[in-house]
Amino acid sequence: MWTQSYFGETIGNANEEAIRQYVQNQLKVMDEMEERFGQLPLF
């Protein structure tokens, strides 16, 4: 499950590096949206 403020999931066989890369990618996406729209959408 993912929202702008919360992420929760079982990781199964994912290692720490895979999770770190996923979170960093999500932060980049949020930064790009903020630059494009001036603010993050509520929904």
N, C-alpha and C. Protein backbone atom coordinates (compact mmCIF):
# COMPACT_ATOMS: atom_id res chain seq x y z
N MET A 1 0.85 -1.17 0.00
CA MET A 1 0.00 0.00 0.00
C MET A 1 0.89 1.23 0.00
N TRP A 2 0.53 2.24 -0.79
CA TRP A 2 1.32 3.47 -0.86
C TRP A 2 0.39 4.66 -0.92
N THR A 3 0.64 5.65 -0.10
CA THR A 3 0.00 6.96 -0.19
C THR A 3 1.12 7.98 -0.08
N GLN A 4 0.78 9.25 -0.17
CA GLN A 4 1.79 10.29 -0.08
C GLN A 4 2.49 10.29 1.28
N SER A 5 1.84 9.75 2.30
CA SER A 5 2.42 9.84 3.63
C SER A 5 2.69 8.49 4.29
N TYR A 6 2.37 7.39 3.63
CA TYR A 6 2.50 6.10 4.29
C TYR A 6 2.78 5.01 3.28
N PHE A 7 3.71 4.13 3.60
CA PHE A 7 3.98 2.97 2.77
C PHE A 7 4.04 1.76 3.67
N GLY A 8 3.31 0.72 3.32
CA GLY A 8 3.37 -0.51 4.09
C GLY A 8 3.21 -1.69 3.16
N GLU A 9 4.09 -2.68 3.29
CA GLU A 9 4.03 -3.87 2.44
C GLU A 9 4.93 -4.93 3.05
N THR A 10 4.58 -6.17 2.82
CA THR A 10 5.52 -7.21 3.20
C THR A 10 6.63 -7.21 2.16
N ILE A 11 7.85 -7.48 2.57
CA ILE A 11 8.96 -7.37 1.64
C ILE A 11 9.35 -8.70 1.02
N GLY A 12 8.83 -9.79 1.53
CA GLY A 12 9.16 -11.08 0.95
C GLY A 12 10.66 -11.27 0.83
N ASN A 13 11.14 -11.45 -0.39
CA ASN A 13 12.56 -11.70 -0.62
C ASN A 13 13.34 -10.43 -0.98
N ALA A 14 12.69 -9.26 -0.90
CA ALA A 14 13.38 -8.01 -1.24
C ALA A 14 14.45 -7.71 -0.20
N ASN A 15 15.59 -7.25 -0.66
CA ASN A 15 16.65 -6.88 0.28
C ASN A 15 16.58 -5.40 0.61
N GLU A 16 17.37 -4.98 1.54
CA GLU A 16 17.34 -3.58 1.99
C GLU A 16 17.65 -2.62 0.86
N GLU A 17 18.58 -2.97 -0.02
CA GLU A 17 18.95 -2.08 -1.13
C GLU A 17 17.77 -1.87 -2.08
N ALA A 18 17.02 -2.91 -2.38
CA ALA A 18 15.85 -2.79 -3.26
C ALA A 18 14.82 -1.85 -2.66
N ILE A 19 14.60 -1.97 -1.38
CA ILE A 19 13.64 -1.09 -0.70
C ILE A 19 14.14 0.35 -0.69
N ARG A 20 15.43 0.53 -0.42
CA ARG A 20 16.03 1.86 -0.43
C ARG A 20 15.87 2.52 -1.81
N GLN A 21 16.13 1.79 -2.87
CA GLN A 21 15.99 2.33 -4.23
C GLN A 21 14.54 2.69 -4.52
N TYR A 22 13.60 1.86 -4.09
CA TYR A 22 12.18 2.15 -4.31
C TYR A 22 11.78 3.46 -3.63
N VAL A 23 12.18 3.62 -2.37
CA VAL A 23 11.82 4.83 -1.63
C VAL A 23 12.46 6.05 -2.26
N GLN A 24 13.73 5.95 -2.65
CA GLN A 24 14.41 7.08 -3.29
C GLN A 24 13.72 7.45 -4.60
N ASN A 25 13.28 6.47 -5.36
CA ASN A 25 12.56 6.74 -6.61
C ASN A 25 11.25 7.46 -6.33
N GLN A 26 10.54 7.04 -5.29
CA GLN A 26 9.28 7.70 -4.95
C GLN A 26 9.52 9.16 -4.57
N LEU A 27 10.61 9.44 -3.86
CA LEU A 27 10.94 10.81 -3.49
C LEU A 27 11.23 11.65 -4.74
N LYS A 28 11.92 11.07 -5.72
CA LYS A 28 12.19 11.79 -6.97
C LYS A 28 10.90 12.11 -7.70
N VAL A 29 9.98 11.15 -7.74
CA VAL A 29 8.68 11.37 -8.40
C VAL A 29 7.94 12.51 -7.71
N MET A 30 7.93 12.51 -6.39
CA MET A 30 7.24 13.57 -5.65
C MET A 30 7.90 14.92 -5.91
N ASP A 31 9.23 14.97 -5.95
CA ASP A 31 9.94 16.23 -6.24
C ASP A 31 9.58 16.74 -7.64
N GLU A 32 9.52 15.84 -8.62
CA GLU A 32 9.18 16.23 -9.98
C GLU A 32 7.75 16.77 -10.05
N MET A 33 6.83 16.13 -9.35
CA MET A 33 5.45 16.61 -9.34
C MET A 33 5.36 17.99 -8.69
N GLU A 34 6.10 18.18 -7.61
CA GLU A 34 6.08 19.46 -6.92
C GLU A 34 6.63 20.57 -7.82
N GLU A 35 7.70 20.27 -8.56
CA GLU A 35 8.28 21.27 -9.48
C GLU A 35 7.30 21.58 -10.62
N ARG A 36 6.64 20.56 -11.13
CA ARG A 36 5.75 20.73 -12.28
C ARG A 36 4.47 21.46 -11.89
N PHE A 37 3.88 21.13 -10.76
CA PHE A 37 2.58 21.65 -10.39
C PHE A 37 2.62 22.71 -9.30
N GLY A 38 3.78 22.95 -8.72
CA GLY A 38 3.90 23.94 -7.67
C GLY A 38 3.56 23.42 -6.29
N GLN A 39 2.80 22.34 -6.23
CA GLN A 39 2.50 21.69 -4.97
C GLN A 39 2.06 20.27 -5.26
N LEU A 40 2.09 19.45 -4.26
CA LEU A 40 1.66 18.07 -4.44
C LEU A 40 0.14 17.99 -4.39
N PRO A 41 -0.46 17.13 -5.23
CA PRO A 41 -1.92 16.99 -5.19
C PRO A 41 -2.35 16.29 -3.90
N LEU A 42 -3.55 16.62 -3.44
CA LEU A 42 -4.06 15.98 -2.23
C LEU A 42 -4.44 14.54 -2.48
N PHE A 43 -5.00 14.24 -3.64
CA PHE A 43 -5.44 12.88 -3.95
C PHE A 43 -5.02 12.49 -5.34
